[in-house]
């Protein structure tokens, strides 16, 4: 089974597809607030999934890293509006020091390809 990589640099690929499984690199967003950054991350996820032949209805697992778990409810308010009803993936959320202080949220996605 082949592995296809897109938007690849020396360090990472934004999309890796192996069979019918799609892996996205961690996405960080623009904006000052957690809500803005979460919205921006999810817009990037939508675009990458579409490019890879999937969409948010096909999410398998999502891992969300937050710089501060005190912002959990603000992030979830955006998430809950974005994830399709009845299609919630397996998900984990944790606190971590992100790449720069400006980043408040990083979202990592695994999805199935659309049939």
PDB file of N, CA and C in Angstrom:
ATOM      1  N   UNK A   1       0.842  -1.169   0.000  1.00  0.00           N
ATOM      2  CA  UNK A   1       0.000   0.000   0.000  1.00  0.00           C
ATOM      3  C   UNK A   1       0.891   1.238   0.000  1.00  0.00           C
ATOM      4  N   UNK A   2       0.600   2.185  -0.863  1.00  0.00           N
ATOM      5  CA  UNK A   2       1.449   3.361  -0.981  1.00  0.00           C
ATOM      6  C   UNK A   2       1.116   4.405   0.082  1.00  0.00           C
ATOM      7  N   UNK A   3       2.088   5.249   0.307  1.00  0.00           N
ATOM      8  CA  UNK A   3       1.930   6.391   1.204  1.00  0.00           C
ATOM      9  C   UNK A   3       2.088   7.640   0.351  1.00  0.00           C
ATOM     10  N   UNK A   4       1.091   8.516   0.381  1.00  0.00           N
ATOM     11  CA  UNK A   4       1.140   9.779  -0.373  1.00  0.00           C
ATOM     12  C   UNK A   4       1.291  10.923   0.624  1.00  0.00           C
ATOM     13  N   UNK A   5       2.198  11.836   0.318  1.00  0.00           N
ATOM     14  CA  UNK A   5       2.466  12.987   1.200  1.00  0.00           C
ATOM     15  C   UNK A   5       2.245  14.267   0.407  1.00  0.00           C
ATOM     16  N   UNK A   6       1.659  15.262   1.067  1.00  0.00           N
ATOM     17  CA  UNK A   6       1.409  16.560   0.422  1.00  0.00           C
ATOM     18  C   UNK A   6       1.913  17.687   1.310  1.00  0.00           C
ATOM     19  N   UNK A   7       2.324  18.777   0.642  1.00  0.00           N
ATOM     20  CA  UNK A   7       2.846  19.947   1.357  1.00  0.00           C
ATOM     21  C   UNK A   7       3.990  19.511   2.279  1.00  0.00           C
ATOM     22  N   UNK A   8       4.962  18.842   1.675  1.00  0.00           N
ATOM     23  CA  UNK A   8       6.058  18.239   2.420  1.00  0.00           C
ATOM     24  C   UNK A   8       7.272  19.156   2.445  1.00  0.00           C
ATOM     25  N   UNK A   9       7.850  19.292   3.614  1.00  0.00           N
ATOM     26  CA  UNK A   9       9.125  19.989   3.797  1.00  0.00           C
ATOM     27  C   UNK A   9      10.105  18.986   4.389  1.00  0.00           C
ATOM     28  N   UNK A  10      11.290  19.427   4.678  1.00  0.00           N
ATOM     29  CA  UNK A  10      12.275  18.554   5.318  1.00  0.00           C
ATOM     30  C   UNK A  10      11.762  18.060   6.664  1.00  0.00           C
ATOM     31  N   UNK A  11      10.973  18.882   7.340  1.00  0.00           N
ATOM     32  CA  UNK A  11      10.544  18.577   8.698  1.00  0.00           C
ATOM     33  C   UNK A  11       9.262  17.752   8.765  1.00  0.00           C
ATOM     34  N   UNK A  12       8.293  18.031   7.870  1.00  0.00           N
ATOM     35  CA  UNK A  12       6.997  17.352   8.004  1.00  0.00           C
ATOM     36  C   UNK A  12       6.159  17.507   6.744  1.00  0.00           C
ATOM     37  N   UNK A  13       5.097  16.721   6.699  1.00  0.00           N
ATOM     38  CA  UNK A  13       4.089  16.831   5.648  1.00  0.00           C
ATOM     39  C   UNK A  13       2.791  17.291   6.297  1.00  0.00           C
ATOM     40  N   UNK A  14       2.070  18.160   5.616  1.00  0.00           N
ATOM     41  CA  UNK A  14       0.786  18.610   6.149  1.00  0.00           C
ATOM     42  C   UNK A  14      -0.275  17.520   6.034  1.00  0.00           C
ATOM     43  N   UNK A  15      -0.179  16.696   4.979  1.00  0.00           N
ATOM     44  CA  UNK A  15      -1.118  15.598   4.767  1.00  0.00           C
ATOM     45  C   UNK A  15      -0.321  14.335   4.460  1.00  0.00           C
ATOM     46  N   UNK A  16      -0.680  13.247   5.117  1.00  0.00           N
ATOM     47  CA  UNK A  16      -0.152  11.927   4.770  1.00  0.00           C
ATOM     48  C   UNK A  16      -1.356  11.007   4.608  1.00  0.00           C
ATOM     49  N   UNK A  17      -1.406  10.354   3.454  1.00  0.00           N
ATOM     50  CA  UNK A  17      -2.506   9.406   3.207  1.00  0.00           C
ATOM     51  C   UNK A  17      -1.918   8.016   3.018  1.00  0.00           C
ATOM     52  N   UNK A  18      -2.435   7.082   3.782  1.00  0.00           N
ATOM     53  CA  UNK A  18      -2.036   5.674   3.693  1.00  0.00           C
ATOM     54  C   UNK A  18      -3.320   4.873   3.521  1.00  0.00           C
ATOM     55  N   UNK A  19      -3.531   4.358   2.336  1.00  0.00           N
ATOM     56  CA  UNK A  19      -4.795   3.678   2.056  1.00  0.00           C
ATOM     57  C   UNK A  19      -5.945   4.663   2.162  1.00  0.00           C
ATOM     58  N   UNK A  20      -6.906   4.325   2.969  1.00  0.00           N
ATOM     59  CA  UNK A  20      -8.071   5.192   3.167  1.00  0.00           C
ATOM     60  C   UNK A  20      -7.989   6.004   4.456  1.00  0.00           C
ATOM     61  N   UNK A  21      -6.790   6.082   5.043  1.00  0.00           N
ATOM     62  CA  UNK A  21      -6.610   6.850   6.274  1.00  0.00           C
ATOM     63  C   UNK A  21      -5.779   8.087   5.979  1.00  0.00           C
ATOM     64  N   UNK A  22      -6.254   9.223   6.486  1.00  0.00           N
ATOM     65  CA  UNK A  22      -5.620  10.522   6.251  1.00  0.00           C
ATOM     66  C   UNK A  22      -5.156  11.086   7.594  1.00  0.00           C
ATOM     67  N   UNK A  23      -3.891  11.476   7.628  1.00  0.00           N
ATOM     68  CA  UNK A  23      -3.289  12.061   8.821  1.00  0.00           C
ATOM     69  C   UNK A  23      -2.921  13.501   8.505  1.00  0.00           C
ATOM     70  N   UNK A  24      -3.325  14.417   9.351  1.00  0.00           N
ATOM     71  CA  UNK A  24      -2.943  15.822   9.190  1.00  0.00           C
ATOM     72  C   UNK A  24      -1.932  16.210  10.252  1.00  0.00           C
ATOM     73  N   UNK A  25      -0.980  17.033   9.864  1.00  0.00           N
ATOM     74  CA  UNK A  25      -0.048  17.610  10.832  1.00  0.00           C
ATOM     75  C   UNK A  25      -0.835  18.515  11.772  1.00  0.00           C
ATOM     76  N   UNK A  26      -0.272  18.800  12.917  1.00  0.00           N
ATOM     77  CA  UNK A  26      -0.920  19.712  13.850  1.00  0.00           C
ATOM     78  C   UNK A  26      -1.138  21.074  13.207  1.00  0.00           C
ATOM     79  N   UNK A  27      -2.352  21.579  13.351  1.00  0.00           N
ATOM     80  CA  UNK A  27      -2.710  22.871  12.769  1.00  0.00           C
ATOM     81  C   UNK A  27      -2.834  23.914  13.875  1.00  0.00           C
ATOM     82  N   UNK A  28      -2.203  25.047  13.672  1.00  0.00           N
ATOM     83  CA  UNK A  28      -2.325  26.175  14.587  1.00  0.00           C
ATOM     84  C   UNK A  28      -3.026  27.298  13.836  1.00  0.00           C
ATOM     85  N   UNK A  29      -3.650  28.187  14.582  1.00  0.00           N
ATOM     86  CA  UNK A  29      -4.458  29.201  13.935  1.00  0.00           C
ATOM     87  C   UNK A  29      -3.990  30.614  14.168  1.00  0.00           C
ATOM     88  N   UNK A  30      -4.636  31.514  13.439  1.00  0.00           N
ATOM     89  CA  UNK A  30      -4.385  32.943  13.562  1.00  0.00           C
ATOM     90  C   UNK A  30      -5.398  33.550  14.518  1.00  0.00           C
ATOM     91  N   UNK A  31      -5.057  34.697  15.051  1.00  0.00           N
ATOM     92  CA  UNK A  31      -5.962  35.414  15.925  1.00  0.00           C
ATOM     93  C   UNK A  31      -5.389  35.537  17.315  1.00  0.00           C
ATOM     94  N   UNK A  32      -6.044  36.354  18.112  1.00  0.00           N
ATOM     95  CA  UNK A  32      -5.577  36.608  19.474  1.00  0.00           C
ATOM     96  C   UNK A  32      -6.282  35.692  20.463  1.00  0.00           C
ATOM     97  N   UNK A  33      -7.597  35.530  20.315  1.00  0.00           N
ATOM     98  CA  UNK A  33      -8.355  34.746  21.282  1.00  0.00           C
ATOM     99  C   UNK A  33      -8.285  33.252  20.972  1.00  0.00           C
ATOM    100  N   UNK A  34      -8.592  32.452  21.957  1.00  0.00           N
ATOM    101  CA  UNK A  34      -8.662  31.002  21.772  1.00  0.00           C
ATOM    102  C   UNK A  34      -9.741  30.663  20.752  1.00  0.00           C
ATOM    103  N   UNK A  35     -10.867  31.350  20.811  1.00  0.00           N
ATOM    104  CA  UNK A  35     -11.957  31.099  19.862  1.00  0.00           C
ATOM    105  C   UNK A  35     -11.503  31.391  18.433  1.00  0.00           C
ATOM    106  N   UNK A  36     -10.832  32.512  18.223  1.00  0.00           N
ATOM    107  CA  UNK A  36     -10.344  32.863  16.879  1.00  0.00           C
ATOM    108  C   UNK A  36      -9.330  31.834  16.383  1.00  0.00           C
ATOM    109  N   UNK A  37      -8.399  31.446  17.234  1.00  0.00           N
ATOM    110  CA  UNK A  37      -7.392  30.475  16.826  1.00  0.00           C
ATOM    111  C   UNK A  37      -8.019  29.110  16.551  1.00  0.00           C
ATOM    112  N   UNK A  38      -9.002  28.721  17.354  1.00  0.00           N
ATOM    113  CA  UNK A  38      -9.670  27.439  17.122  1.00  0.00           C
ATOM    114  C   UNK A  38     -10.404  27.466  15.792  1.00  0.00           C
ATOM    115  N   UNK A  39     -11.137  28.530  15.517  1.00  0.00           N
ATOM    116  CA  UNK A  39     -11.846  28.678  14.233  1.00  0.00           C
ATOM    117  C   UNK A  39     -10.873  28.607  13.063  1.00  0.00           C
ATOM    118  N   UNK A  40      -9.756  29.299  13.186  1.00  0.00           N
ATOM    119  CA  UNK A  40      -8.740  29.314  12.141  1.00  0.00           C
ATOM    120  C   UNK A  40      -8.155  27.913  11.931  1.00  0.00           C
ATOM    121  N   UNK A  41      -7.842  27.205  13.017  1.00  0.00           N
ATOM    122  CA  UNK A  41      -7.341  25.829  12.912  1.00  0.00           C
ATOM    123  C   UNK A  41      -8.338  24.952  12.168  1.00  0.00           C
ATOM    124  N   UNK A  42      -9.595  25.053  12.552  1.00  0.00           N
ATOM    125  CA  UNK A  42     -10.616  24.186  11.957  1.00  0.00           C
ATOM    126  C   UNK A  42     -10.858  24.526  10.490  1.00  0.00           C
ATOM    127  N   UNK A  43     -10.700  25.791  10.116  1.00  0.00           N
ATOM    128  CA  UNK A  43     -10.783  26.151   8.693  1.00  0.00           C
ATOM    129  C   UNK A  43      -9.648  25.492   7.912  1.00  0.00           C
ATOM    130  N   UNK A  44      -8.457  25.469   8.495  1.00  0.00           N
ATOM    131  CA  UNK A  44      -7.315  24.800   7.852  1.00  0.00           C
ATOM    132  C   UNK A  44      -7.568  23.296   7.754  1.00  0.00           C
ATOM    133  N   UNK A  45      -8.120  22.713   8.795  1.00  0.00           N
ATOM    134  CA  UNK A  45      -8.445  21.286   8.779  1.00  0.00           C
ATOM    135  C   UNK A  45      -9.435  20.998   7.661  1.00  0.00           C
ATOM    136  N   UNK A  46     -10.496  21.813   7.544  1.00  0.00           N
ATOM    137  CA  UNK A  46     -11.477  21.626   6.472  1.00  0.00           C
ATOM    138  C   UNK A  46     -10.805  21.631   5.097  1.00  0.00           C
ATOM    139  N   UNK A  47      -9.937  22.600   4.869  1.00  0.00           N
ATOM    140  CA  UNK A  47      -9.279  22.727   3.565  1.00  0.00           C
ATOM    141  C   UNK A  47      -8.365  21.539   3.281  1.00  0.00           C
ATOM    142  N   UNK A  48      -7.585  21.115   4.265  1.00  0.00           N
ATOM    143  CA  UNK A  48      -6.679  19.982   4.069  1.00  0.00           C
ATOM    144  C   UNK A  48      -7.450  18.682   3.871  1.00  0.00           C
ATOM    145  N   UNK A  49      -8.510  18.489   4.631  1.00  0.00           N
ATOM    146  CA  UNK A  49      -9.318  17.285   4.453  1.00  0.00           C
ATOM    147  C   UNK A  49      -9.933  17.246   3.056  1.00  0.00           C
ATOM    148  N   UNK A  50     -10.444  18.372   2.597  1.00  0.00           N
ATOM    149  CA  UNK A  50     -11.035  18.422   1.246  1.00  0.00           C
ATOM    150  C   UNK A  50      -9.986  18.069   0.197  1.00  0.00           C
ATOM    151  N   UNK A  51      -8.798  18.620   0.350  1.00  0.00           N
ATOM    152  CA  UNK A  51      -7.709  18.323  -0.589  1.00  0.00           C
ATOM    153  C   UNK A  51      -7.363  16.839  -0.590  1.00  0.00           C
ATOM    154  N   UNK A  52      -7.454  16.204   0.594  1.00  0.00           N
ATOM    155  CA  UNK A  52      -7.073  14.800   0.732  1.00  0.00           C
ATOM    156  C   UNK A  52      -8.219  13.838   0.403  1.00  0.00           C
ATOM    157  N   UNK A  53      -9.400  14.378   0.116  1.00  0.00           N
ATOM    158  CA  UNK A  53     -10.528  13.507  -0.220  1.00  0.00           C
ATOM    159  C   UNK A  53     -11.362  13.086   0.970  1.00  0.00           C
ATOM    160  N   UNK A  54     -11.481  13.969   1.948  1.00  0.00           N
ATOM    161  CA  UNK A  54     -12.266  13.668   3.137  1.00  0.00           C
ATOM    162  C   UNK A  54     -12.997  14.925   3.598  1.00  0.00           C
ATOM    163  N   UNK A  55     -13.638  14.830   4.733  1.00  0.00           N
ATOM    164  CA  UNK A  55     -14.301  15.982   5.337  1.00  0.00           C
ATOM    165  C   UNK A  55     -14.573  15.687   6.812  1.00  0.00           C
ATOM    166  N   UNK A  56     -15.151  16.632   7.494  1.00  0.00           N
ATOM    167  CA  UNK A  56     -15.348  16.483   8.940  1.00  0.00           C
ATOM    168  C   UNK A  56     -16.342  15.384   9.309  1.00  0.00           C
ATOM    169  N   UNK A  57     -17.148  14.906   8.372  1.00  0.00           N
ATOM    170  CA  UNK A  57     -18.029  13.770   8.635  1.00  0.00           C
ATOM    171  C   UNK A  57     -17.250  12.465   8.760  1.00  0.00           C
ATOM    172  N   UNK A  58     -15.982  12.479   8.364  1.00  0.00           N
ATOM    173  CA  UNK A  58     -15.170  11.264   8.347  1.00  0.00           C
ATOM    174  C   UNK A  58     -14.030  11.294   9.372  1.00  0.00           C
ATOM    175  N   UNK A  59     -14.139  12.135  10.384  1.00  0.00           N
ATOM    176  CA  UNK A  59     -13.113  12.211  11.417  1.00  0.00           C
ATOM    177  C   UNK A  59     -13.062  10.905  12.206  1.00  0.00           C
ATOM    178  N   UNK A  60     -11.869  10.429  12.462  1.00  0.00           N
ATOM    179  CA  UNK A  60     -11.682   9.242  13.287  1.00  0.00           C
ATOM    180  C   UNK A  60     -11.190   9.618  14.678  1.00  0.00           C
ATOM    181  N   UNK A  61     -10.147  10.446  14.715  1.00  0.00           N
ATOM    182  CA  UNK A  61      -9.558  10.856  15.983  1.00  0.00           C
ATOM    183  C   UNK A  61      -9.042  12.282  15.868  1.00  0.00           C
ATOM    184  N   UNK A  62      -9.216  13.037  16.930  1.00  0.00           N
ATOM    185  CA  UNK A  62      -8.679  14.393  17.004  1.00  0.00           C
ATOM    186  C   UNK A  62      -7.982  14.553  18.351  1.00  0.00           C
ATOM    187  N   UNK A  63      -6.791  15.123  18.306  1.00  0.00           N
ATOM    188  CA  UNK A  63      -6.056  15.469  19.520  1.00  0.00           C
ATOM    189  C   UNK A  63      -5.901  16.974  19.526  1.00  0.00           C
ATOM    190  N   UNK A  64      -6.282  17.589  20.627  1.00  0.00           N
ATOM    191  CA  UNK A  64      -6.201  19.042  20.757  1.00  0.00           C
ATOM    192  C   UNK A  64      -5.253  19.371  21.905  1.00  0.00           C
ATOM    193  N   UNK A  65      -4.220  20.123  21.574  1.00  0.00           N
ATOM    194  CA  UNK A  65      -3.292  20.624  22.582  1.00  0.00           C
ATOM    195  C   UNK A  65      -3.636  22.077  22.848  1.00  0.00           C
ATOM    196  N   UNK A  66      -3.682  22.441  24.105  1.00  0.00           N
ATOM    197  CA  UNK A  66      -3.974  23.815  24.510  1.00  0.00           C
ATOM    198  C   UNK A  66      -2.852  24.332  25.392  1.00  0.00           C
ATOM    199  N   UNK A  67      -2.533  25.600  25.213  1.00  0.00           N
ATOM    200  CA  UNK A  67      -1.493  26.207  26.049  1.00  0.00           C
ATOM    201  C   UNK A  67      -1.962  26.347  27.493  1.00  0.00           C
ATOM    202  N   UNK A  68      -3.286  26.475  27.680  1.00  0.00           N
ATOM    203  CA  UNK A  68      -3.836  26.663  29.022  1.00  0.00           C
ATOM    204  C   UNK A  68      -5.225  26.027  29.075  1.00  0.00           C
ATOM    205  N   UNK A  69      -5.384  24.999  29.900  1.00  0.00           N
ATOM    206  CA  UNK A  69      -6.675  24.310  29.993  1.00  0.00           C
ATOM    207  C   UNK A  69      -7.771  25.201  30.568  1.00  0.00           C
ATOM    208  N   UNK A  70      -7.411  26.350  31.099  1.00  0.00           N
ATOM    209  CA  UNK A  70      -8.431  27.301  31.549  1.00  0.00           C
ATOM    210  C   UNK A  70      -9.276  27.780  30.364  1.00  0.00           C
ATOM    211  N   UNK A  71      -8.757  27.633  29.144  1.00  0.00           N
ATOM    212  CA  UNK A  71      -9.463  28.054  27.931  1.00  0.00           C
ATOM    213  C   UNK A  71     -10.279  26.929  27.292  1.00  0.00           C
ATOM    214  N   UNK A  72     -10.391  25.812  27.989  1.00  0.00           N
ATOM    215  CA  UNK A  72     -11.075  24.626  27.472  1.00  0.00           C
ATOM    216  C   UNK A  72     -12.503  24.928  27.006  1.00  0.00           C
ATOM    217  N   UNK A  73     -13.257  25.645  27.801  1.00  0.00           N
ATOM    218  CA  UNK A  73     -14.661  25.926  27.450  1.00  0.00           C
ATOM    219  C   UNK A  73     -14.766  26.840  26.235  1.00  0.00           C
ATOM    220  N   UNK A  74     -13.862  27.802  26.112  1.00  0.00           N
ATOM    221  CA  UNK A  74     -13.873  28.701  24.949  1.00  0.00           C
ATOM    222  C   UNK A  74     -13.567  27.922  23.664  1.00  0.00           C
ATOM    223  N   UNK A  75     -12.602  27.017  23.735  1.00  0.00           N
ATOM    224  CA  UNK A  75     -12.289  26.193  22.576  1.00  0.00           C
ATOM    225  C   UNK A  75     -13.464  25.278  22.236  1.00  0.00           C
ATOM    226  N   UNK A  76     -14.047  24.659  23.246  1.00  0.00           N
ATOM    227  CA  UNK A  76     -15.154  23.729  23.020  1.00  0.00           C
ATOM    228  C   UNK A  76     -16.383  24.407  22.421  1.00  0.00           C
ATOM    229  N   UNK A  77     -16.613  25.668  22.733  1.00  0.00           N
ATOM    230  CA  UNK A  77     -17.752  26.382  22.151  1.00  0.00           C
ATOM    231  C   UNK A  77     -17.618  26.436  20.627  1.00  0.00           C
ATOM    232  N   UNK A  78     -16.412  26.659  20.135  1.00  0.00           N
ATOM    233  CA  UNK A  78     -16.162  26.682  18.685  1.00  0.00           C
ATOM    234  C   UNK A  78     -16.220  25.258  18.144  1.00  0.00           C
ATOM    235  N   UNK A  79     -15.578  24.334  18.814  1.00  0.00           N
ATOM    236  CA  UNK A  79     -15.563  22.928  18.388  1.00  0.00           C
ATOM    237  C   UNK A  79     -16.992  22.397  18.247  1.00  0.00           C
ATOM    238  N   UNK A  80     -17.812  22.620  19.261  1.00  0.00           N
ATOM    239  CA  UNK A  80     -19.168  22.070  19.261  1.00  0.00           C
ATOM    240  C   UNK A  80     -20.001  22.584  18.087  1.00  0.00           C
ATOM    241  N   UNK A  81     -19.753  23.812  17.654  1.00  0.00           N
ATOM    242  CA  UNK A  81     -20.454  24.354  16.478  1.00  0.00           C
ATOM    243  C   UNK A  81     -19.902  23.768  15.173  1.00  0.00           C
ATOM    244  N   UNK A  82     -18.666  23.293  15.189  1.00  0.00           N
ATOM    245  CA  UNK A  82     -18.000  22.817  13.976  1.00  0.00           C
ATOM    246  C   UNK A  82     -18.231  21.336  13.711  1.00  0.00           C
ATOM    247  N   UNK A  83     -18.154  20.494  14.741  1.00  0.00           N
ATOM    248  CA  UNK A  83     -18.241  19.048  14.540  1.00  0.00           C
ATOM    249  C   UNK A  83     -19.685  18.669  14.201  1.00  0.00           C
ATOM    250  N   UNK A  84     -19.881  17.853  13.156  1.00  0.00           N
ATOM    251  CA  UNK A  84     -21.234  17.476  12.754  1.00  0.00           C
ATOM    252  C   UNK A  84     -21.941  16.649  13.840  1.00  0.00           C
ATOM    253  N   UNK A  85     -23.209  16.919  14.050  1.00  0.00           N
ATOM    254  CA  UNK A  85     -23.999  16.176  15.032  1.00  0.00           C
ATOM    255  C   UNK A  85     -23.937  14.685  14.723  1.00  0.00           C
ATOM    256  N   UNK A  86     -23.665  13.898  15.731  1.00  0.00           N
ATOM    257  CA  UNK A  86     -23.610  12.459  15.572  1.00  0.00           C
ATOM    258  C   UNK A  86     -22.333  11.936  14.941  1.00  0.00           C
ATOM    259  N   UNK A  87     -21.385  12.814  14.622  1.00  0.00           N
ATOM    260  CA  UNK A  87     -20.150  12.404  13.949  1.00  0.00           C
ATOM    261  C   UNK A  87     -18.896  12.714  14.772  1.00  0.00           C
ATOM    262  N   UNK A  88     -19.059  12.902  16.068  1.00  0.00           N
ATOM    263  CA  UNK A  88     -17.903  13.256  16.904  1.00  0.00           C
ATOM    264  C   UNK A  88     -16.849  12.149  16.869  1.00  0.00           C
ATOM    265  N   UNK A  89     -15.583  12.511  16.670  1.00  0.00           N
ATOM    266  CA  UNK A  89     -14.500  11.515  16.641  1.00  0.00           C
ATOM    267  C   UNK A  89     -14.076  11.130  18.053  1.00  0.00           C
ATOM    268  N   UNK A  90     -13.237  10.117  18.150  1.00  0.00           N
ATOM    269  CA  UNK A  90     -12.523   9.887  19.400  1.00  0.00           C
ATOM    270  C   UNK A  90     -11.648  11.135  19.592  1.00  0.00           C
ATOM    271  N   UNK A  91     -11.622  11.679  20.805  1.00  0.00           N
ATOM    272  CA  UNK A  91     -10.913  12.944  20.991  1.00  0.00           C
ATOM    273  C   UNK A  91     -10.221  12.974  22.339  1.00  0.00           C
ATOM    274  N   UNK A  92      -9.065  13.622  22.347  1.00  0.00           N
ATOM    275  CA  UNK A  92      -8.343  13.883  23.587  1.00  0.00           C
ATOM    276  C   UNK A  92      -7.908  15.336  23.565  1.00  0.00           C
ATOM    277  N   UNK A  93      -7.907  15.950  24.729  1.00  0.00           N
ATOM    278  CA  UNK A  93      -7.450  17.333  24.858  1.00  0.00           C
ATOM    279  C   UNK A  93      -6.504  17.406  26.045  1.00  0.00           C
ATOM    280  N   UNK A  94      -5.376  18.062  25.851  1.00  0.00           N
ATOM    281  CA  UNK A  94      -4.418  18.203  26.926  1.00  0.00           C
ATOM    282  C   UNK A  94      -3.719  19.543  26.877  1.00  0.00           C
ATOM    283  N   UNK A  95      -3.024  19.841  27.943  1.00  0.00           N
ATOM    284  CA  UNK A  95      -2.275  21.095  28.025  1.00  0.00           C
ATOM    285  C   UNK A  95      -0.812  20.808  27.699  1.00  0.00           C
ATOM    286  N   UNK A  96      -0.243  21.689  26.876  1.00  0.00           N
ATOM    287  CA  UNK A  96       1.161  21.539  26.494  1.00  0.00           C
ATOM    288  C   UNK A  96       1.748  22.902  26.162  1.00  0.00           C
ATOM    289  N   UNK A  97       3.037  23.022  26.293  1.00  0.00           N
ATOM    290  CA  UNK A  97       3.728  24.210  25.839  1.00  0.00           C
ATOM    291  C   UNK A  97       3.818  24.098  24.318  1.00  0.00           C
ATOM    292  N   UNK A  98       3.197  25.029  23.597  1.00  0.00           N
ATOM    293  CA  UNK A  98       3.174  24.978  22.141  1.00  0.00           C
ATOM    294  C   UNK A  98       4.407  25.673  21.567  1.00  0.00           C
ATOM    295  N   UNK A  99       4.556  25.629  20.248  1.00  0.00           N
ATOM    296  CA  UNK A  99       5.785  26.077  19.581  1.00  0.00           C
ATOM    297  C   UNK A  99       6.166  27.514  19.910  1.00  0.00           C
ATOM    298  N   UNK A 100       5.195  28.404  19.986  1.00  0.00           N
ATOM    299  CA  UNK A 100       5.473  29.789  20.379  1.00  0.00           C
ATOM    300  C   UNK A 100       4.406  30.247  21.361  1.00  0.00           C
ATOM    301  N   UNK A 101       4.689  31.297  22.085  1.00  0.00           N
ATOM    302  CA  UNK A 101       3.737  31.795  23.078  1.00  0.00           C
ATOM    303  C   UNK A 101       2.445  32.310  22.457  1.00  0.00           C
ATOM    304  N   UNK A 102       2.487  32.713  21.177  1.00  0.00           N
ATOM    305  CA  UNK A 102       1.276  33.237  20.540  1.00  0.00           C
ATOM    306  C   UNK A 102       0.241  32.138  20.287  1.00  0.00           C
ATOM    307  N   UNK A 103       0.682  30.877  20.150  1.00  0.00           N
ATOM    308  CA  UNK A 103      -0.242  29.782  19.878  1.00  0.00           C
ATOM    309  C   UNK A 103      -0.942  29.335  21.152  1.00  0.00           C
ATOM    310  N   UNK A 104      -2.261  29.251  21.072  1.00  0.00           N
ATOM    311  CA  UNK A 104      -3.063  28.822  22.211  1.00  0.00           C
ATOM    312  C   UNK A 104      -3.692  27.447  21.991  1.00  0.00           C
ATOM    313  N   UNK A 105      -3.805  27.028  20.712  1.00  0.00           N
ATOM    314  CA  UNK A 105      -4.470  25.769  20.354  1.00  0.00           C
ATOM    315  C   UNK A 105      -3.725  25.127  19.185  1.00  0.00           C
ATOM    316  N   UNK A 106      -3.566  23.809  19.229  1.00  0.00           N
ATOM    317  CA  UNK A 106      -3.052  23.043  18.104  1.00  0.00           C
ATOM    318  C   UNK A 106      -3.946  21.818  17.955  1.00  0.00           C
ATOM    319  N   UNK A 107      -4.385  21.547  16.719  1.00  0.00           N
ATOM    320  CA  UNK A 107      -5.329  20.462  16.471  1.00  0.00           C
ATOM    321  C   UNK A 107      -4.717  19.456  15.495  1.00  0.00           C
ATOM    322  N   UNK A 108      -4.720  18.185  15.891  1.00  0.00           N
ATOM    323  CA  UNK A 108      -4.169  17.097  15.095  1.00  0.00           C
ATOM    324  C   UNK A 108      -5.313  16.164  14.720  1.00  0.00           C
ATOM    325  N   UNK A 109      -5.410  15.786  13.440  1.00  0.00           N
ATOM    326  CA  UNK A 109      -6.559  15.048  12.935  1.00  0.00           C
ATOM    327  C   UNK A 109      -6.144  13.778  12.206  1.00  0.00           C
ATOM    328  N   UNK A 110      -6.914  12.720  12.442  1.00  0.00           N
ATOM    329  CA  UNK A 110      -6.874  11.505  11.639  1.00  0.00           C
ATOM    330  C   UNK A 110      -8.293  11.305  11.118  1.00  0.00           C
ATOM    331  N   UNK A 111      -8.419  11.060   9.807  1.00  0.00           N
ATOM    332  CA  UNK A 111      -9.741  10.901   9.197  1.00  0.00           C
ATOM    333  C   UNK A 111      -9.723   9.775   8.185  1.00  0.00           C
ATOM    334  N   UNK A 112     -10.899   9.285   7.877  1.00  0.00           N
ATOM    335  CA  UNK A 112     -11.065   8.296   6.803  1.00  0.00           C
ATOM    336  C   UNK A 112     -11.356   9.042   5.501  1.00  0.00           C
ATOM    337  N   UNK A 113     -10.910   8.467   4.408  1.00  0.00           N
ATOM    338  CA  UNK A 113     -11.246   9.030   3.094  1.00  0.00           C
ATOM    339  C   UNK A 113     -12.718   8.784   2.815  1.00  0.00           C
ATOM    340  N   UNK A 114     -13.317   9.678   2.030  1.00  0.00           N
ATOM    341  CA  UNK A 114     -14.692   9.452   1.594  1.00  0.00           C
ATOM    342  C   UNK A 114     -14.677   8.297   0.589  1.00  0.00           C
ATOM    343  N   UNK A 115     -15.677   7.468   0.659  1.00  0.00           N
ATOM    344  CA  UNK A 115     -15.754   6.328  -0.275  1.00  0.00           C
ATOM    345  C   UNK A 115     -16.150   6.769  -1.647  1.00  0.00           C
TER     346      UNK A 115
END
